[in-house]
Amino acid sequence: MNTQKGHDNHRYWRVKIREVGPNWPIGTSTWLVPPYPPIPLRRLPDFNIHKQALVPNSGRFSYKPAKACIYCGANSYISAGTPAENPLHREHIIPDALGGDIILPQASCHECEGRTSFENTIIVQMFDAVRRNLAIRTKKGNFRKAHFPVTVSHDAREVCVRLHIGDHPTILVLPILIAPRNLVNAEPGSPCLHSLYLCNLNVSDSTLERLRLQNINTPNVDMFLFCQLLAKIAHAYASAELGPGSFASLHKSLIEKRLAKNEASNECFDFIGGNIQNEGPSRQLHELGLGYIRKDSTTYVGVRIRLFAKFNSPSYYVLAGAILR
């Protein structure tokens, strides 16, 4: 296997896989370091997590209604009506498309619902085949897609082919991040990607040989959209636990930001990072945690996010905002 970056701005990363071999059997994960000079490791300071939320494969939990849009503070779904006539819509803390069954009712207005719809793009790009492989159903409870794309190199050209999920070589790819820059006084713009996590869900050399695939490319990891997703999850979870308006959000502008495909932006890593320790697999599909960390004279609410925790995935730590006294 060898890593490839899609653009010089380090926004996109993917891995080309030529063979699996005996050391990466189905159901196991591995880490790959990107092909650039090693970055100084930034250890995560003590993070006092006092609240945990475990997200199982099934079962739904709802918080008390927020009764205000957690992004803009509006109290009705559309501005032209009353809250009774136009109640706010609910927010899934972790997207429903990823199996997130923790819900904050009456938490999003129509305008902000549109502004935060970027999560659909990143879910399709990075997790579409993964969702189908893991039988994570849609809101309607059915699977509408059976064929999924995979990019292969053929005669020095890259070709996208669509394969049935029964044949599709599905790999879960996630970035492994070091600590948020703000917490460790790192230089602005310094790298934050430590390595790439890959979990082999169904790929074997015999499958590649049967399909006559000399190599496959994993889905692109779009670092900007992925950080937007983490920021939105952290903001929603902190709002559900502490109440809307209880903290000064650090990510409202990031959640609403839009970039062209050839643009890059990495200021989000000032407040978004991770833990490079191997934590072992969880019994739950996802994990969330909420706590506090003090930096200089400011107390931040922090959120730990571990997507696909049952597959020994990495954890992310997001400073959701500064506590308002």
Protein backbone atom coordinates (compact mmCIF):
# COMPACT_ATOMS: atom_id res chain seq x y z
CA MET A 1 0.00 0.00 0.00
CA ASN A 2 1.15 3.53 -0.62
CA THR A 3 -0.39 6.87 0.32
CA GLN A 4 -1.22 9.56 -2.20
CA LYS A 5 -2.30 13.14 -1.69
CA GLY A 6 -4.90 14.42 -4.09
CA HIS A 7 -3.78 18.07 -4.04
CA ASP A 8 -0.69 19.94 -2.92
CA ASN A 9 -2.72 21.79 -0.31
CA HIS A 10 -3.10 18.60 1.74
CA ARG A 11 -6.88 18.90 1.86
CA TYR A 12 -7.46 15.52 0.22
CA TRP A 13 -5.85 12.20 1.10
CA ARG A 14 -6.38 8.66 -0.11
CA VAL A 15 -4.56 5.34 -0.23
CA LYS A 16 -3.81 3.15 -3.23
CA ILE A 17 -3.92 -0.53 -2.34
CA ARG A 18 -2.17 -3.06 -4.55
CA GLU A 19 -2.55 -6.06 -2.30
CA VAL A 20 -3.87 -6.84 1.17
CA GLY A 21 -1.54 -9.61 2.29
CA PRO A 22 -1.78 -11.80 5.40
CA ASN A 23 -1.09 -8.98 7.87
CA TRP A 24 -4.31 -7.06 7.18
CA PRO A 25 -7.19 -9.55 7.38
CA ILE A 26 -10.82 -8.58 7.09
CA GLY A 27 -12.11 -6.83 10.21
CA THR A 28 -8.77 -5.38 11.29
CA SER A 29 -7.33 -1.87 11.07
CA THR A 30 -3.96 -0.29 10.37
CA TRP A 31 -2.32 3.15 10.37
CA LEU A 32 -0.41 4.68 7.47
CA VAL A 33 1.81 7.73 7.79
CA PRO A 34 1.50 10.30 4.94
CA PRO A 35 4.57 10.83 2.73
CA TYR A 36 5.78 14.12 4.12
CA PRO A 37 8.39 14.94 6.80
CA PRO A 38 7.40 13.75 10.29
CA ILE A 39 5.54 16.33 12.34
CA PRO A 40 6.25 17.00 16.03
CA LEU A 41 3.80 15.08 18.17
CA ARG A 42 1.54 17.29 20.25
CA ARG A 43 0.21 15.41 23.24
CA LEU A 44 -3.34 16.12 24.33
CA PRO A 45 -3.47 17.89 27.73
CA ASP A 46 -5.59 16.46 30.51
CA PHE A 47 -9.18 16.55 29.31
CA ASN A 48 -11.71 16.12 32.12
CA ILE A 49 -14.46 14.11 30.46
CA HIS A 50 -17.38 13.94 32.90
CA LYS A 51 -20.21 12.88 30.58
CA GLN A 52 -20.30 9.96 28.15
CA ALA A 53 -22.82 9.10 25.47
CA LEU A 54 -22.54 5.67 23.88
CA VAL A 55 -24.27 5.27 20.52
CA PRO A 56 -25.27 1.65 19.91
CA ASN A 57 -26.29 0.03 16.66
CA SER A 58 -29.94 0.60 17.49
CA GLY A 59 -32.09 2.41 20.02
CA ARG A 60 -33.06 6.07 20.12
CA PHE A 61 -32.61 8.71 22.81
CA SER A 62 -34.02 12.24 22.82
CA TYR A 63 -32.97 15.24 24.87
CA LYS A 64 -35.43 17.83 26.10
CA PRO A 65 -36.41 20.20 23.26
CA ALA A 66 -33.97 23.06 22.76
CA LYS A 67 -36.80 25.43 21.75
CA ALA A 68 -34.26 27.62 19.95
CA CYS A 69 -32.12 27.09 16.89
CA ILE A 70 -28.72 26.05 18.24
CA TYR A 71 -26.99 27.89 15.39
CA CYS A 72 -28.76 31.28 15.22
CA GLY A 73 -31.17 31.39 18.16
CA ALA A 74 -34.39 31.57 16.11
CA ASN A 75 -37.48 30.20 17.86
CA SER A 76 -39.47 29.08 14.80
CA TYR A 77 -38.63 27.03 11.73
CA ILE A 78 -39.30 29.92 9.35
CA SER A 79 -39.16 33.59 10.30
CA ALA A 80 -42.63 34.35 8.90
CA GLY A 81 -44.49 32.29 11.47
CA THR A 82 -44.90 31.67 15.19
CA PRO A 83 -43.19 28.79 17.03
CA ALA A 84 -46.57 27.08 17.38
CA GLU A 85 -47.22 27.29 13.64
CA ASN A 86 -43.66 26.47 12.54
CA PRO A 87 -41.87 24.37 15.16
CA LEU A 88 -38.14 23.97 14.82
CA HIS A 89 -36.82 20.75 13.37
CA ARG A 90 -34.85 18.18 15.32
CA GLU A 91 -31.09 17.69 15.10
CA HIS A 92 -29.30 14.36 15.15
CA ILE A 93 -26.16 14.80 17.24
CA ILE A 94 -24.36 12.29 15.01
CA PRO A 95 -25.94 12.20 11.52
CA ASP A 96 -28.81 9.79 11.09
CA ALA A 97 -27.06 8.49 7.96
CA LEU A 98 -24.23 7.21 10.18
CA GLY A 99 -26.57 5.51 12.60
CA GLY A 100 -26.77 8.42 15.04
CA ASP A 101 -29.83 7.90 17.22
CA ILE A 102 -29.29 10.71 19.75
CA ILE A 103 -31.74 13.51 18.97
CA LEU A 104 -32.11 17.12 20.11
CA PRO A 105 -35.71 18.15 19.31
CA GLN A 106 -36.70 21.67 18.19
CA ALA A 107 -33.10 22.69 17.49
CA SER A 108 -32.76 23.88 13.89
CA CYS A 109 -34.48 26.52 11.75
CA HIS A 110 -35.02 26.28 8.00
CA GLU A 111 -32.18 28.62 7.07
CA CYS A 112 -29.59 26.94 9.28
CA GLU A 113 -30.80 23.51 8.21
CA GLY A 114 -29.74 24.45 4.68
CA ARG A 115 -26.43 25.92 5.82
CA THR A 116 -25.46 22.71 7.61
CA SER A 117 -26.43 20.29 4.85
CA PHE A 118 -22.76 19.77 3.93
CA GLU A 119 -22.78 16.58 6.00
CA ASN A 120 -24.61 14.77 3.19
CA THR A 121 -21.65 15.44 0.87
CA ILE A 122 -18.98 14.10 3.23
CA ILE A 123 -21.08 11.06 4.14
CA VAL A 124 -21.50 10.08 0.48
CA GLN A 125 -17.82 10.74 -0.31
CA MET A 126 -16.30 8.88 2.63
CA PHE A 127 -18.90 6.54 4.09
CA ASP A 128 -21.49 5.55 1.48
CA ALA A 129 -20.29 2.00 0.88
CA VAL A 130 -19.30 1.66 4.54
CA ARG A 131 -22.88 2.40 5.60
CA ARG A 132 -24.24 -0.22 3.23
CA ASN A 133 -21.64 -2.77 4.30
CA LEU A 134 -22.54 -2.24 7.96
CA ALA A 135 -26.31 -2.23 7.22
CA ILE A 136 -26.84 1.30 8.54
CA ARG A 137 -30.26 2.06 7.15
CA THR A 138 -31.64 5.31 5.73
CA LYS A 139 -34.35 7.38 7.43
CA LYS A 140 -36.97 5.41 5.46
CA GLY A 141 -35.53 2.14 6.74
CA ASN A 142 -34.46 0.71 3.40
CA PHE A 143 -31.35 0.49 1.23
CA ARG A 144 -31.87 2.45 -1.97
CA LYS A 145 -28.44 1.83 -3.49
CA ALA A 146 -26.80 -1.47 -4.34
CA HIS A 147 -23.83 -0.37 -6.50
CA PHE A 148 -20.98 1.84 -5.35
CA PRO A 149 -17.98 3.42 -7.09
CA VAL A 150 -14.35 2.46 -6.67
CA THR A 151 -11.41 4.07 -8.48
CA VAL A 152 -8.77 1.81 -10.02
CA SER A 153 -5.65 2.49 -12.06
CA HIS A 154 -5.64 0.88 -15.48
CA ASP A 155 -3.03 1.44 -18.23
CA ALA A 156 -1.66 4.50 -16.41
CA ARG A 157 -5.19 5.94 -16.21
CA GLU A 158 -7.59 6.17 -13.32
CA VAL A 159 -10.98 4.62 -14.01
CA CYS A 160 -14.08 4.72 -11.82
CA VAL A 161 -16.10 1.50 -11.87
CA ARG A 162 -19.32 0.70 -10.04
CA LEU A 163 -19.59 -2.62 -8.23
CA HIS A 164 -22.40 -4.35 -6.37
CA ILE A 165 -21.97 -4.10 -2.60
CA GLY A 166 -21.39 -7.86 -2.51
CA ASP A 167 -18.24 -7.34 -4.59
CA HIS A 168 -17.31 -3.80 -3.61
CA PRO A 169 -13.91 -3.61 -1.81
CA THR A 170 -14.97 -1.50 1.17
CA ILE A 171 -12.46 0.21 3.43
CA LEU A 172 -13.21 2.66 6.23
CA VAL A 173 -10.72 5.55 6.13
CA LEU A 174 -10.35 8.22 8.82
CA PRO A 175 -7.68 10.83 9.57
CA ILE A 176 -5.66 10.51 12.79
CA LEU A 177 -5.05 13.97 14.22
CA ILE A 178 -2.72 15.34 16.87
CA ALA A 179 -3.83 17.76 19.61
CA PRO A 180 -5.59 21.04 18.68
CA ARG A 181 -3.05 23.79 18.08
CA ASN A 182 -4.68 26.18 20.54
CA LEU A 183 -4.19 23.78 23.45
CA VAL A 184 -0.47 23.27 22.96
CA ASN A 185 0.61 26.69 21.64
CA ALA A 186 1.56 25.30 18.22
CA GLU A 187 2.45 27.60 15.36
CA PRO A 188 -0.49 28.76 13.17
CA GLY A 189 -0.79 26.62 10.06
CA SER A 190 1.37 23.80 11.41
CA PRO A 191 0.39 20.27 10.23
CA CYS A 192 -2.17 18.34 12.24
CA LEU A 193 -2.56 15.07 10.30
CA HIS A 194 -0.50 12.35 12.00
CA SER A 195 -1.55 9.37 9.90
CA LEU A 196 -4.48 7.65 8.22
CA TYR A 197 -6.60 4.94 9.83
CA LEU A 198 -7.83 2.17 7.53
CA CYS A 199 -10.20 -0.63 8.50
CA ASN A 200 -10.57 -3.54 6.11
CA LEU A 201 -14.28 -4.39 6.05
CA ASN A 202 -14.31 -7.03 3.31
CA VAL A 203 -11.20 -6.89 1.06
CA SER A 204 -9.02 -9.91 0.34
CA ASP A 205 -6.41 -10.64 -2.30
CA SER A 206 -8.61 -13.43 -3.65
CA THR A 207 -11.47 -10.93 -4.15
CA LEU A 208 -9.21 -8.49 -6.00
CA GLU A 209 -7.93 -11.32 -8.18
CA ARG A 210 -11.45 -12.58 -8.93
CA LEU A 211 -12.54 -9.08 -9.96
CA ARG A 212 -9.29 -8.62 -11.92
CA LEU A 213 -8.45 -5.47 -10.02
CA GLN A 214 -4.72 -4.78 -9.91
CA ASN A 215 -5.26 -2.03 -7.36
CA ILE A 216 -7.96 0.04 -5.71
CA ASN A 217 -8.08 3.56 -4.27
CA THR A 218 -9.79 4.29 -1.00
CA PRO A 219 -12.32 7.15 -0.89
CA ASN A 220 -10.83 10.63 -0.62
CA VAL A 221 -10.58 12.00 2.90
CA ASP A 222 -11.66 15.62 2.56
CA MET A 223 -10.03 17.18 5.62
CA PHE A 224 -12.06 20.39 5.47
CA LEU A 225 -15.49 18.75 5.20
CA PHE A 226 -14.54 16.16 7.81
CA CYS A 227 -13.59 18.91 10.26
CA GLN A 228 -16.89 20.63 9.52
CA LEU A 229 -18.66 17.39 10.43
CA LEU A 230 -16.73 17.13 13.71
CA ALA A 231 -17.48 20.78 14.51
CA LYS A 232 -21.20 20.30 13.92
CA ILE A 233 -21.35 17.16 16.07
CA ALA A 234 -19.47 18.90 18.89
CA HIS A 235 -21.66 22.01 18.73
CA ALA A 236 -24.89 19.97 18.75
CA TYR A 237 -23.78 17.71 21.61
CA ALA A 238 -22.59 20.61 23.78
CA SER A 239 -25.86 22.45 23.08
CA ALA A 240 -27.88 19.37 24.04
CA GLU A 241 -25.97 18.85 27.30
CA LEU A 242 -25.53 22.47 28.41
CA GLY A 243 -28.35 24.26 26.64
CA PRO A 244 -28.27 26.69 23.70
CA GLY A 245 -26.43 29.91 24.46
CA SER A 246 -24.47 28.51 27.41
CA PHE A 247 -21.16 28.79 25.57
CA ALA A 248 -19.63 31.06 22.93
CA SER A 249 -19.31 28.79 19.90
CA LEU A 250 -15.90 28.55 18.23
CA HIS A 251 -17.25 26.88 15.12
CA LYS A 252 -20.31 28.74 13.85
CA SER A 253 -18.34 30.32 11.00
CA LEU A 254 -16.65 26.99 10.18
CA ILE A 255 -19.98 25.14 10.07
CA GLU A 256 -21.37 27.71 7.63
CA LYS A 257 -18.22 28.09 5.53
CA ARG A 258 -18.13 26.95 1.91
CA LEU A 259 -15.00 26.23 -0.13
CA ALA A 260 -14.48 25.40 -3.79
CA LYS A 261 -13.02 21.94 -4.42
CA ASN A 262 -9.56 23.36 -5.15
CA GLU A 263 -9.49 25.56 -2.04
CA ALA A 264 -8.00 24.63 1.33
CA SER A 265 -8.43 25.96 4.84
CA ASN A 266 -6.79 24.61 7.97
CA GLU A 267 -7.53 27.17 10.67
CA CYS A 268 -10.06 24.68 12.06
CA PHE A 269 -7.16 22.71 13.57
CA ASP A 270 -6.69 25.48 16.13
CA PHE A 271 -9.65 23.94 17.99
CA ILE A 272 -10.03 20.47 16.43
CA GLY A 273 -7.54 17.64 16.96
CA GLY A 274 -7.25 14.12 18.20
CA ASN A 275 -5.54 11.49 20.28
CA ILE A 276 -3.00 9.22 18.62
CA GLN A 277 -3.26 6.51 21.26
CA ASN A 278 -4.74 3.15 20.34
CA GLU A 279 -7.82 2.89 22.58
CA GLY A 280 -9.02 -0.55 21.53
CA PRO A 281 -12.41 -1.46 20.05
CA SER A 282 -15.66 -0.42 21.74
CA ARG A 283 -18.87 -2.38 22.10
CA GLN A 284 -20.72 0.62 20.68
CA LEU A 285 -20.92 1.95 17.13
CA HIS A 286 -19.96 5.52 18.13
CA GLU A 287 -18.89 7.27 21.34
CA LEU A 288 -19.28 10.84 22.58
CA GLY A 289 -17.93 12.54 25.67
CA LEU A 290 -18.21 16.04 27.12
CA GLY A 291 -15.86 17.78 29.52
CA TYR A 292 -13.95 20.94 30.29
CA ILE A 293 -10.41 22.14 29.82
CA ARG A 294 -8.84 25.39 30.99
CA LYS A 295 -6.40 27.34 28.83
CA ASP A 296 -4.94 30.58 30.19
CA SER A 297 -7.95 32.34 31.71
CA THR A 298 -10.62 30.63 29.57
CA THR A 299 -12.61 27.49 30.35
CA TYR A 300 -13.61 25.60 27.22
CA VAL A 301 -16.27 22.96 26.81
CA GLY A 302 -14.70 20.09 24.93
CA VAL A 303 -16.26 17.16 23.12
CA ARG A 304 -14.68 13.78 22.46
CA ILE A 305 -15.97 12.15 19.26
CA ARG A 306 -15.19 8.59 18.25
CA LEU A 307 -16.96 7.55 15.06
CA PHE A 308 -17.12 3.80 14.32
CA ALA A 309 -15.60 3.10 17.75
CA LYS A 310 -16.37 -0.63 17.54
CA PHE A 311 -13.68 -0.89 14.83
CA ASN A 312 -10.89 0.53 17.04
CA SER A 313 -11.05 3.92 15.35
CA PRO A 314 -9.28 7.11 16.54
CA SER A 315 -10.81 9.70 18.85
CA TYR A 316 -11.22 13.38 18.04
CA TYR A 317 -11.27 16.24 20.53
CA VAL A 318 -13.11 19.44 19.66
CA LEU A 319 -13.20 22.65 21.69
CA ALA A 320 -16.83 23.53 21.12
CA GLY A 321 -16.70 26.94 22.77
CA ALA A 322 -15.84 29.10 25.76
CA ILE A 323 -18.09 28.79 28.79
CA LEU A 324 -20.14 31.93 29.43
CA ARG A 325 -20.21 32.92 33.09
